Amino acid sequence: MVPLALAVQVIWAKVYERRHNVGQAKEQLLNSLAGMLLAMVTVYEYTPDSEAAPRIVPAKQLSGGMFRGGGKELRFLDGRPPRRNLAVAADEVTIVIEKLQQDAL
């Protein structure tokens, strides 16, 4: 498992960083990448203080959210509590990177 915010940073570095000079807009782009990642892979929620296994979060529980902090926090306008401990499988991140690199060619 890889924390979602870290996965987004890795995707940015591997696919987009060399092509785009974004300056202050980088956080917004990372938030957008986090949203894209939600649509492409299985998302898990973990408890940092526990040894409990991460659990899959159904997509409908994540819908309608907006990312902040470069993918660190998913906030909801409908009053649901924010989600902060989201993660994705490392092998899925690799697959997403490869797909995005192919699409960029």
Protein backbone atom coordinates (compact mmCIF):
# COMPACT_ATOMS: atom_id res chain seq x y z
CA MET A 1 0.00 0.00 0.00
CA VAL A 2 1.04 3.53 -0.77
CA PRO A 3 -0.64 6.60 0.75
CA LEU A 4 -2.70 8.30 -1.95
CA ALA A 5 -0.86 11.61 -1.62
CA LEU A 6 2.48 9.86 -2.15
CA ALA A 7 1.10 7.94 -5.15
CA VAL A 8 0.01 11.24 -6.70
CA GLN A 9 3.48 12.73 -6.14
CA VAL A 10 5.08 9.72 -7.83
CA ILE A 11 2.71 9.90 -10.80
CA TRP A 12 3.45 13.62 -11.16
CA ALA A 13 7.21 13.05 -11.06
CA LYS A 14 7.17 10.14 -13.52
CA VAL A 15 4.67 11.46 -16.06
CA TYR A 16 4.23 15.22 -15.90
CA GLU A 17 7.01 17.04 -14.07
CA ARG A 18 9.44 17.29 -16.99
CA ARG A 19 6.74 18.48 -19.36
CA HIS A 20 5.10 21.17 -17.26
CA ASN A 21 6.36 24.09 -15.24
CA VAL A 22 3.38 24.78 -13.03
CA GLY A 23 4.79 26.68 -10.06
CA GLN A 24 2.10 27.49 -7.53
CA ALA A 25 -0.60 25.56 -9.42
CA LYS A 26 1.10 22.24 -8.63
CA GLU A 27 -1.10 21.50 -5.61
CA GLN A 28 -4.25 21.95 -7.70
CA LEU A 29 -2.86 19.61 -10.34
CA LEU A 30 -1.97 17.03 -7.68
CA ASN A 31 -5.53 17.29 -6.35
CA SER A 32 -6.83 16.65 -9.89
CA LEU A 33 -4.50 13.67 -10.27
CA ALA A 34 -5.82 12.29 -6.98
CA GLY A 35 -9.36 12.51 -8.31
CA MET A 36 -8.33 10.78 -11.52
CA LEU A 37 -6.63 8.03 -9.52
CA LEU A 38 -9.84 7.41 -7.56
CA ALA A 39 -11.60 6.66 -10.83
CA MET A 40 -8.91 4.24 -12.01
CA VAL A 41 -7.93 2.05 -9.04
CA THR A 42 -9.21 0.45 -5.86
CA VAL A 43 -8.90 2.80 -2.91
CA TYR A 44 -8.22 1.67 0.65
CA GLU A 45 -8.48 3.38 4.00
CA TYR A 46 -5.96 2.65 6.71
CA THR A 47 -5.60 3.51 10.37
CA PRO A 48 -2.09 4.84 11.01
CA ASP A 49 -2.20 3.97 14.73
CA SER A 50 -3.31 0.39 14.21
CA GLU A 51 -1.96 -2.80 12.78
CA ALA A 52 -5.35 -3.52 11.24
CA ALA A 53 -5.33 -4.29 7.54
CA PRO A 54 -6.42 -1.49 5.20
CA ARG A 55 -10.03 -1.82 4.06
CA ILE A 56 -11.46 -1.20 0.62
CA VAL A 57 -13.55 1.96 0.40
CA PRO A 58 -16.50 1.61 -1.99
CA ALA A 59 -16.40 4.20 -4.78
CA LYS A 60 -19.80 5.61 -3.83
CA GLN A 61 -18.43 6.55 -0.40
CA LEU A 62 -15.76 8.65 -2.12
CA SER A 63 -17.97 10.27 -4.75
CA GLY A 64 -18.71 13.96 -4.53
CA GLY A 65 -15.47 14.76 -2.73
CA MET A 66 -12.82 17.33 -3.55
CA PHE A 67 -9.16 16.85 -2.74
CA ARG A 68 -7.03 19.31 -0.80
CA GLY A 69 -3.38 19.39 0.10
CA GLY A 70 -2.13 17.63 -3.00
CA GLY A 71 -4.30 14.57 -2.43
CA LYS A 72 -3.86 14.38 1.34
CA GLU A 73 -7.48 15.05 2.24
CA LEU A 74 -10.79 14.33 0.52
CA ARG A 75 -13.47 16.79 1.66
CA PHE A 76 -17.21 16.61 1.06
CA LEU A 77 -19.63 19.50 0.66
CA ASP A 78 -22.56 17.43 1.95
CA GLY A 79 -21.25 17.31 5.52
CA ARG A 80 -19.61 13.89 5.47
CA PRO A 81 -16.38 13.85 7.46
CA PRO A 82 -13.19 14.26 5.43
CA ARG A 83 -11.09 11.22 4.54
CA ARG A 84 -7.38 11.52 5.19
CA ASN A 85 -5.90 8.03 5.36
CA LEU A 86 -6.49 6.84 1.81
CA ALA A 87 -4.09 4.50 0.05
CA VAL A 88 -3.72 2.56 -3.17
CA ALA A 89 -1.84 -0.58 -4.14
CA ALA A 90 1.70 0.13 -5.36
CA ASP A 91 1.34 -2.19 -8.36
CA GLU A 92 -1.75 -0.28 -9.50
CA VAL A 93 0.20 2.98 -9.34
CA THR A 94 2.81 1.45 -11.63
CA ILE A 95 0.11 0.42 -14.11
CA VAL A 96 -1.42 3.92 -14.06
CA ILE A 97 2.01 5.48 -14.69
CA GLU A 98 2.63 3.18 -17.65
CA LYS A 99 -0.80 3.96 -19.12
CA LEU A 100 -0.39 7.70 -18.73
CA GLN A 101 3.10 7.60 -20.25
CA GLN A 102 1.74 5.72 -23.27
CA ASP A 103 -1.14 8.17 -23.64
CA ALA A 104 1.31 11.10 -23.53
CA LEU A 105 3.29 9.82 -26.51
